Amino acid sequence: MAENEMSLQDTAKAIADPIRREILMHLKKNNLSAGEIAGCFDVSWATVSYHLAQLKKADLITETRHKNYIYYELNASVIEELMIWLSEIGGPSDEE
């Protein structure tokens, strides 16, 4: 399977989950630590960690270490690529 196809599958799987979509919305506003993200949800730290790992696997977020903390940031370039692809597939067909 081509690398782009796998990436698209990872992205689709990542954004299919409502908690992960909400994490992305929080990261749209600010870079946040794992603790700050966990504070937004009524789930275990392990669950938040799992969701962050899935978002990282899909390259939708990046992480930066600062002292004893890891901060997560939205990877806007992947979001933009997805939006372009969706607009292309939703546009008029080549036959029209």
N, C-alpha and C. Protein backbone atom coordinates (compact mmCIF):
# COMPACT_ATOMS: atom_id res chain seq x y z
N MET A 1 0.85 -1.18 0.00
CA MET A 1 0.00 0.00 0.00
C MET A 1 0.89 1.24 0.00
N ALA A 2 0.53 2.23 -0.77
CA ALA A 2 1.32 3.45 -0.88
C ALA A 2 1.28 4.22 0.43
N GLU A 3 2.36 4.99 0.67
CA GLU A 3 2.47 5.76 1.91
C GLU A 3 1.33 6.76 2.06
N ASN A 4 0.95 7.45 0.98
CA ASN A 4 -0.14 8.42 1.05
C ASN A 4 -1.46 7.76 1.40
N GLU A 5 -1.70 6.55 0.88
CA GLU A 5 -2.94 5.85 1.18
C GLU A 5 -3.00 5.49 2.65
N MET A 6 -1.89 5.02 3.21
CA MET A 6 -1.86 4.67 4.62
C MET A 6 -2.06 5.92 5.47
N SER A 7 -1.46 7.02 5.07
CA SER A 7 -1.60 8.26 5.80
C SER A 7 -3.06 8.71 5.79
N LEU A 8 -3.72 8.62 4.67
CA LEU A 8 -5.12 9.00 4.57
C LEU A 8 -5.98 8.09 5.44
N GLN A 9 -5.67 6.81 5.48
CA GLN A 9 -6.41 5.88 6.33
C GLN A 9 -6.23 6.24 7.81
N ASP A 10 -4.98 6.56 8.19
CA ASP A 10 -4.71 6.96 9.57
C ASP A 10 -5.45 8.25 9.91
N THR A 11 -5.46 9.19 8.98
CA THR A 11 -6.15 10.46 9.20
C THR A 11 -7.65 10.23 9.36
N ALA A 12 -8.23 9.44 8.47
CA ALA A 12 -9.67 9.17 8.53
C ALA A 12 -10.03 8.47 9.85
N LYS A 13 -9.22 7.51 10.25
CA LYS A 13 -9.46 6.80 11.51
C LYS A 13 -9.35 7.77 12.69
N ALA A 14 -8.35 8.64 12.64
CA ALA A 14 -8.12 9.57 13.75
C ALA A 14 -9.27 10.55 13.91
N ILE A 15 -9.78 11.08 12.82
CA ILE A 15 -10.83 12.09 12.94
C ILE A 15 -12.22 11.47 13.08
N ALA A 16 -12.32 10.16 12.97
CA ALA A 16 -13.60 9.48 13.14
C ALA A 16 -14.07 9.51 14.59
N ASP A 17 -13.15 9.66 15.52
CA ASP A 17 -13.50 9.63 16.93
C ASP A 17 -13.85 11.02 17.45
N PRO A 18 -14.99 11.18 18.13
CA PRO A 18 -15.39 12.52 18.60
C PRO A 18 -14.44 13.14 19.62
N ILE A 19 -13.82 12.34 20.47
CA ILE A 19 -12.87 12.90 21.43
C ILE A 19 -11.65 13.46 20.70
N ARG A 20 -11.18 12.74 19.71
CA ARG A 20 -10.01 13.23 18.96
C ARG A 20 -10.36 14.50 18.19
N ARG A 21 -11.56 14.57 17.64
CA ARG A 21 -11.97 15.81 16.96
C ARG A 21 -12.02 16.97 17.95
N GLU A 22 -12.49 16.70 19.15
CA GLU A 22 -12.54 17.76 20.16
C GLU A 22 -11.13 18.18 20.59
N ILE A 23 -10.22 17.22 20.71
CA ILE A 23 -8.82 17.56 21.02
C ILE A 23 -8.28 18.49 19.94
N LEU A 24 -8.55 18.17 18.68
CA LEU A 24 -8.07 19.03 17.58
C LEU A 24 -8.65 20.44 17.69
N MET A 25 -9.91 20.54 18.09
CA MET A 25 -10.53 21.86 18.25
C MET A 25 -9.86 22.65 19.37
N HIS A 26 -9.51 21.98 20.46
CA HIS A 26 -8.79 22.66 21.55
C HIS A 26 -7.42 23.12 21.08
N LEU A 27 -6.75 22.27 20.30
CA LEU A 27 -5.40 22.62 19.83
C LEU A 27 -5.44 23.69 18.74
N LYS A 28 -6.59 23.88 18.13
CA LYS A 28 -6.73 24.95 17.14
C LYS A 28 -6.54 26.31 17.82
N LYS A 29 -6.97 26.39 19.08
CA LYS A 29 -6.90 27.65 19.83
C LYS A 29 -5.51 27.88 20.44
N ASN A 30 -4.93 26.84 21.03
CA ASN A 30 -3.65 26.97 21.74
C ASN A 30 -2.90 25.65 21.73
N ASN A 31 -1.58 25.74 21.88
CA ASN A 31 -0.78 24.55 22.17
C ASN A 31 -1.06 24.18 23.62
N LEU A 32 -1.23 22.89 23.89
CA LEU A 32 -1.57 22.45 25.23
C LEU A 32 -0.72 21.28 25.66
N SER A 33 -0.50 21.17 26.97
CA SER A 33 0.18 19.99 27.51
C SER A 33 -0.83 18.85 27.62
N ALA A 34 -0.32 17.65 27.83
CA ALA A 34 -1.21 16.49 27.98
C ALA A 34 -2.14 16.68 29.17
N GLY A 35 -1.63 17.25 30.25
CA GLY A 35 -2.46 17.50 31.43
C GLY A 35 -3.57 18.49 31.15
N GLU A 36 -3.26 19.53 30.40
CA GLU A 36 -4.29 20.51 30.03
C GLU A 36 -5.36 19.87 29.15
N ILE A 37 -4.92 19.03 28.22
CA ILE A 37 -5.88 18.33 27.35
C ILE A 37 -6.74 17.39 28.19
N ALA A 38 -6.11 16.64 29.08
CA ALA A 38 -6.85 15.69 29.92
C ALA A 38 -7.88 16.41 30.78
N GLY A 39 -7.57 17.64 31.21
CA GLY A 39 -8.50 18.41 32.02
C GLY A 39 -9.77 18.81 31.28
N CYS A 40 -9.77 18.71 29.98
CA CYS A 40 -10.95 19.06 29.17
C CYS A 40 -11.94 17.91 29.05
N PHE A 41 -11.56 16.72 29.53
CA PHE A 41 -12.38 15.53 29.32
C PHE A 41 -12.57 14.76 30.62
N ASP A 42 -13.66 14.04 30.68
CA ASP A 42 -13.96 13.19 31.83
C ASP A 42 -13.61 11.75 31.49
N VAL A 43 -12.33 11.56 31.14
CA VAL A 43 -11.81 10.22 30.82
C VAL A 43 -10.46 10.06 31.52
N SER A 44 -9.95 8.85 31.54
CA SER A 44 -8.68 8.58 32.22
C SER A 44 -7.50 9.17 31.44
N TRP A 45 -6.39 9.35 32.14
CA TRP A 45 -5.17 9.83 31.49
C TRP A 45 -4.73 8.85 30.40
N ALA A 46 -4.91 7.56 30.67
CA ALA A 46 -4.53 6.54 29.68
C ALA A 46 -5.33 6.70 28.40
N THR A 47 -6.60 7.03 28.54
CA THR A 47 -7.45 7.24 27.37
C THR A 47 -6.99 8.45 26.57
N VAL A 48 -6.68 9.54 27.27
CA VAL A 48 -6.18 10.75 26.59
C VAL A 48 -4.85 10.44 25.89
N SER A 49 -3.98 9.70 26.56
CA SER A 49 -2.70 9.32 25.98
C SER A 49 -2.90 8.51 24.70
N TYR A 50 -3.85 7.59 24.72
CA TYR A 50 -4.16 6.77 23.54
C TYR A 50 -4.62 7.66 22.39
N HIS A 51 -5.53 8.59 22.68
CA HIS A 51 -6.05 9.47 21.63
C HIS A 51 -4.93 10.36 21.07
N LEU A 52 -4.05 10.86 21.93
CA LEU A 52 -2.93 11.67 21.45
C LEU A 52 -2.01 10.84 20.55
N ALA A 53 -1.78 9.59 20.92
CA ALA A 53 -0.94 8.71 20.10
C ALA A 53 -1.56 8.48 18.72
N GLN A 54 -2.88 8.32 18.67
CA GLN A 54 -3.55 8.13 17.38
C GLN A 54 -3.45 9.39 16.52
N LEU A 55 -3.59 10.55 17.14
CA LEU A 55 -3.47 11.81 16.39
C LEU A 55 -2.04 12.02 15.90
N LYS A 56 -1.06 11.64 16.72
CA LYS A 56 0.34 11.73 16.28
C LYS A 56 0.63 10.77 15.15
N LYS A 57 0.10 9.55 15.25
CA LYS A 57 0.30 8.54 14.20
C LYS A 57 -0.22 9.05 12.86
N ALA A 58 -1.34 9.77 12.91
CA ALA A 58 -1.93 10.33 11.69
C ALA A 58 -1.28 11.64 11.30
N ASP A 59 -0.29 12.08 12.06
CA ASP A 59 0.45 13.32 11.81
C ASP A 59 -0.44 14.56 11.90
N LEU A 60 -1.53 14.45 12.66
CA LEU A 60 -2.43 15.59 12.82
C LEU A 60 -1.95 16.54 13.92
N ILE A 61 -1.09 16.03 14.81
CA ILE A 61 -0.52 16.87 15.85
C ILE A 61 0.98 16.61 15.94
N THR A 62 1.69 17.59 16.46
CA THR A 62 3.11 17.44 16.73
C THR A 62 3.33 17.73 18.21
N GLU A 63 4.47 17.32 18.71
CA GLU A 63 4.77 17.58 20.11
C GLU A 63 6.11 18.28 20.23
N THR A 64 6.20 19.14 21.24
CA THR A 64 7.43 19.87 21.55
C THR A 64 7.68 19.73 23.04
N ARG A 65 8.90 19.36 23.39
CA ARG A 65 9.26 19.26 24.81
C ARG A 65 9.79 20.60 25.30
N HIS A 66 9.30 21.01 26.47
CA HIS A 66 9.78 22.23 27.12
C HIS A 66 9.89 21.94 28.61
N LYS A 67 11.12 21.87 29.10
CA LYS A 67 11.40 21.49 30.49
C LYS A 67 10.80 20.11 30.75
N ASN A 68 9.89 20.01 31.72
CA ASN A 68 9.32 18.71 32.07
C ASN A 68 7.99 18.43 31.39
N TYR A 69 7.63 19.25 30.43
CA TYR A 69 6.32 19.13 29.80
C TYR A 69 6.45 18.85 28.30
N ILE A 70 5.43 18.19 27.78
CA ILE A 70 5.30 18.01 26.35
C ILE A 70 4.08 18.80 25.92
N TYR A 71 4.26 19.68 24.96
CA TYR A 71 3.15 20.47 24.45
C TYR A 71 2.75 19.96 23.07
N TYR A 72 1.46 19.89 22.85
CA TYR A 72 0.92 19.40 21.59
C TYR A 72 0.41 20.56 20.77
N GLU A 73 0.60 20.44 19.45
CA GLU A 73 0.23 21.51 18.53
C GLU A 73 -0.45 20.90 17.32
N LEU A 74 -1.44 21.59 16.81
CA LEU A 74 -2.14 21.15 15.61
C LEU A 74 -1.19 21.24 14.42
N ASN A 75 -1.13 20.21 13.59
CA ASN A 75 -0.32 20.21 12.38
C ASN A 75 -1.21 20.68 11.24
N ALA A 76 -1.24 21.98 11.04
CA ALA A 76 -2.16 22.60 10.08
C ALA A 76 -1.92 22.13 8.66
N SER A 77 -0.69 21.79 8.30
CA SER A 77 -0.42 21.39 6.92
C SER A 77 -1.16 20.11 6.55
N VAL A 78 -1.27 19.17 7.46
CA VAL A 78 -2.00 17.93 7.18
C VAL A 78 -3.50 18.23 7.06
N ILE A 79 -4.00 19.11 7.91
CA ILE A 79 -5.41 19.51 7.84
C ILE A 79 -5.69 20.17 6.49
N GLU A 80 -4.79 21.04 6.06
CA GLU A 80 -4.95 21.72 4.77
C GLU A 80 -4.95 20.73 3.62
N GLU A 81 -4.02 19.76 3.65
CA GLU A 81 -3.97 18.74 2.60
C GLU A 81 -5.27 17.94 2.55
N LEU A 82 -5.81 17.60 3.71
CA LEU A 82 -7.06 16.86 3.77
C LEU A 82 -8.20 17.70 3.20
N MET A 83 -8.25 18.97 3.54
CA MET A 83 -9.30 19.85 3.02
C MET A 83 -9.21 19.98 1.50
N ILE A 84 -8.01 20.10 0.97
CA ILE A 84 -7.82 20.19 -0.48
C ILE A 84 -8.31 18.90 -1.14
N TRP A 85 -7.91 17.77 -0.59
CA TRP A 85 -8.32 16.49 -1.15
C TRP A 85 -9.84 16.35 -1.13
N LEU A 86 -10.46 16.71 0.00
CA LEU A 86 -11.92 16.60 0.11
C LEU A 86 -12.62 17.53 -0.88
N SER A 87 -12.08 18.73 -1.07
CA SER A 87 -12.71 19.66 -2.03
C SER A 87 -12.56 19.14 -3.46
N GLU A 88 -11.43 18.50 -3.76
CA GLU A 88 -11.24 17.94 -5.10
C GLU A 88 -12.19 16.79 -5.36
N ILE A 89 -12.37 15.93 -4.36
CA ILE A 89 -13.23 14.78 -4.55
C ILE A 89 -14.70 15.19 -4.56
N GLY A 90 -15.02 16.29 -3.90
CA GLY A 90 -16.40 16.74 -3.84
C GLY A 90 -16.77 17.69 -4.97
N GLY A 91 -15.79 18.08 -5.77
CA GLY A 91 -16.04 19.00 -6.87
C GLY A 91 -16.64 18.30 -8.07
N PRO A 92 -16.83 19.04 -9.14
CA PRO A 92 -17.42 18.45 -10.35
C PRO A 92 -16.51 17.35 -10.92
N SER A 93 -17.13 16.34 -11.50
CA SER A 93 -16.34 15.26 -12.09
C SER A 93 -15.70 15.74 -13.38
N ASP A 94 -14.67 15.03 -13.81
CA ASP A 94 -13.96 15.38 -15.04
C ASP A 94 -14.86 15.20 -16.27
N GLU A 95 -15.92 14.42 -16.11
CA GLU A 95 -16.81 14.14 -17.24
C GLU A 95 -17.78 15.29 -17.50
N GLU A 96 -17.95 16.17 -16.50
CA GLU A 96 -18.93 17.26 -16.66
C GLU A 96 -18.34 18.41 -17.42
